[in-house]
Amino acid sequence: MHDTYTFMRHFADSWALLALFVFFLGAFVWVWRPGSRVLHDAAAQSIFRNDQVPADDTAPQQDPQGATRGGRNGGDA
């Protein structure tokens, strides 16, 4: 039991640490590589791709009872 723990401890302190550091550097270089800005901007804007433009606030609206109200100023309600 003691030998397994010691082996795993030394492995984690050396090779696993090195492997994780190399992975981190690789991910960092991958994100900041030349030409990736367009891809990242497209990914950032993708949640807005299918949004509809909000309705105009100044257009007359109809309330649930069927009466027409004016735009922002209230109109003839």
C-alpha atoms as a PDB file:
ATOM      1  CA  MET A   1       0.000   0.000   0.000  1.00  0.00           C
ATOM      2  CA  HIS A   2       2.740   2.415   0.961  1.00  0.00           C
ATOM      3  CA  ASP A   3       4.667   1.748  -2.262  1.00  0.00           C
ATOM      4  CA  THR A   4       1.622   2.392  -4.449  1.00  0.00           C
ATOM      5  CA  TYR A   5       0.901   5.669  -2.699  1.00  0.00           C
ATOM      6  CA  THR A   6       4.523   6.786  -2.993  1.00  0.00           C
ATOM      7  CA  PHE A   7       4.661   5.840  -6.664  1.00  0.00           C
ATOM      8  CA  MET A   8       1.427   7.686  -7.465  1.00  0.00           C
ATOM      9  CA  ARG A   9       2.562  10.703  -5.469  1.00  0.00           C
ATOM     10  CA  HIS A  10       5.855  10.929  -7.351  1.00  0.00           C
ATOM     11  CA  PHE A  11       4.093  10.376 -10.671  1.00  0.00           C
ATOM     12  CA  ALA A  12       1.580  13.157  -9.938  1.00  0.00           C
ATOM     13  CA  ASP A  13       4.329  15.502  -8.823  1.00  0.00           C
ATOM     14  CA  SER A  14       6.384  14.987 -11.969  1.00  0.00           C
ATOM     15  CA  TRP A  15       4.940  13.489 -15.154  1.00  0.00           C
ATOM     16  CA  ALA A  16       1.272  14.263 -14.549  1.00  0.00           C
ATOM     17  CA  LEU A  17       2.154  17.851 -13.697  1.00  0.00           C
ATOM     18  CA  LEU A  18       4.224  18.112 -16.855  1.00  0.00           C
ATOM     19  CA  ALA A  19       1.449  16.584 -18.974  1.00  0.00           C
ATOM     20  CA  LEU A  20      -1.168  18.980 -17.586  1.00  0.00           C
ATOM     21  CA  PHE A  21       1.120  21.957 -18.116  1.00  0.00           C
ATOM     22  CA  VAL A  22       1.763  20.939 -21.737  1.00  0.00           C
ATOM     23  CA  PHE A  23      -2.000  20.514 -22.252  1.00  0.00           C
ATOM     24  CA  PHE A  24      -2.600  24.002 -20.813  1.00  0.00           C
ATOM     25  CA  LEU A  25       0.032  25.525 -23.105  1.00  0.00           C
ATOM     26  CA  GLY A  26      -1.460  23.713 -26.088  1.00  0.00           C
ATOM     27  CA  ALA A  27      -4.950  24.978 -25.291  1.00  0.00           C
ATOM     28  CA  PHE A  28      -3.615  28.511 -24.815  1.00  0.00           C
ATOM     29  CA  VAL A  29      -1.775  28.454 -28.148  1.00  0.00           C
ATOM     30  CA  TRP A  30      -4.849  26.954 -29.864  1.00  0.00           C
ATOM     31  CA  VAL A  31      -7.084  29.785 -28.640  1.00  0.00           C
ATOM     32  CA  TRP A  32      -4.634  32.562 -29.524  1.00  0.00           C
ATOM     33  CA  ARG A  33      -3.517  31.169 -32.888  1.00  0.00           C
ATOM     34  CA  PRO A  34      -3.597  33.545 -35.872  1.00  0.00           C
ATOM     35  CA  GLY A  35      -6.924  33.600 -37.669  1.00  0.00           C
ATOM     36  CA  SER A  36      -8.994  32.322 -34.752  1.00  0.00           C
ATOM     37  CA  ARG A  37     -10.559  35.711 -33.964  1.00  0.00           C
ATOM     38  CA  VAL A  38     -13.208  35.272 -36.642  1.00  0.00           C
ATOM     39  CA  LEU A  39     -14.204  31.887 -35.228  1.00  0.00           C
ATOM     40  CA  HIS A  40     -14.390  33.191 -31.667  1.00  0.00           C
ATOM     41  CA  ASP A  41     -16.422  36.236 -32.723  1.00  0.00           C
ATOM     42  CA  ALA A  42     -18.839  33.977 -34.611  1.00  0.00           C
ATOM     43  CA  ALA A  43     -19.201  31.735 -31.557  1.00  0.00           C
ATOM     44  CA  ALA A  44     -19.789  34.755 -29.306  1.00  0.00           C
ATOM     45  CA  GLN A  45     -22.529  36.098 -31.590  1.00  0.00           C
ATOM     46  CA  SER A  46     -24.192  32.724 -32.243  1.00  0.00           C
ATOM     47  CA  ILE A  47     -26.688  33.115 -29.395  1.00  0.00           C
ATOM     48  CA  PHE A  48     -28.083  36.221 -31.124  1.00  0.00           C
ATOM     49  CA  ARG A  49     -28.261  34.670 -34.591  1.00  0.00           C
ATOM     50  CA  ASN A  50     -31.996  33.885 -34.565  1.00  0.00           C
ATOM     51  CA  ASP A  51     -33.223  36.783 -32.423  1.00  0.00           C
ATOM     52  CA  GLN A  52     -36.109  38.841 -33.710  1.00  0.00           C
ATOM     53  CA  VAL A  53     -35.941  42.623 -33.545  1.00  0.00           C
ATOM     54  CA  PRO A  54     -38.135  43.891 -30.671  1.00  0.00           C
ATOM     55  CA  ALA A  55     -41.558  45.282 -31.604  1.00  0.00           C
ATOM     56  CA  ASP A  56     -41.826  49.043 -32.027  1.00  0.00           C
ATOM     57  CA  ASP A  57     -43.015  50.701 -28.781  1.00  0.00           C
ATOM     58  CA  THR A  58     -44.667  53.623 -30.555  1.00  0.00           C
ATOM     59  CA  ALA A  59     -47.154  51.546 -32.573  1.00  0.00           C
ATOM     60  CA  PRO A  60     -50.769  51.405 -31.304  1.00  0.00           C
ATOM     61  CA  GLN A  61     -51.411  48.283 -29.233  1.00  0.00           C
ATOM     62  CA  GLN A  62     -54.599  46.400 -28.481  1.00  0.00           C
ATOM     63  CA  ASP A  63     -55.371  45.368 -24.914  1.00  0.00           C
ATOM     64  CA  PRO A  64     -57.138  42.060 -24.051  1.00  0.00           C
ATOM     65  CA  GLN A  65     -60.609  43.727 -24.077  1.00  0.00           C
ATOM     66  CA  GLY A  66     -60.125  44.867 -27.667  1.00  0.00           C
ATOM     67  CA  ALA A  67     -59.713  48.588 -27.083  1.00  0.00           C
ATOM     68  CA  THR A  68     -56.941  50.264 -29.017  1.00  0.00           C
ATOM     69  CA  ARG A  69     -54.439  52.279 -27.044  1.00  0.00           C
ATOM     70  CA  GLY A  70     -51.932  54.738 -28.408  1.00  0.00           C
ATOM     71  CA  GLY A  71     -48.185  54.324 -28.322  1.00  0.00           C
ATOM     72  CA  ARG A  72     -45.995  55.682 -25.552  1.00  0.00           C
ATOM     73  CA  ASN A  73     -48.211  58.590 -24.555  1.00  0.00           C
ATOM     74  CA  GLY A  74     -51.254  56.455 -23.784  1.00  0.00           C
ATOM     75  CA  GLY A  75     -53.475  57.747 -26.567  1.00  0.00           C
ATOM     76  CA  ASP A  76     -57.241  57.416 -26.155  1.00  0.00           C
ATOM     77  CA  ALA A  77     -57.605  54.553 -23.695  1.00  0.00           C
END
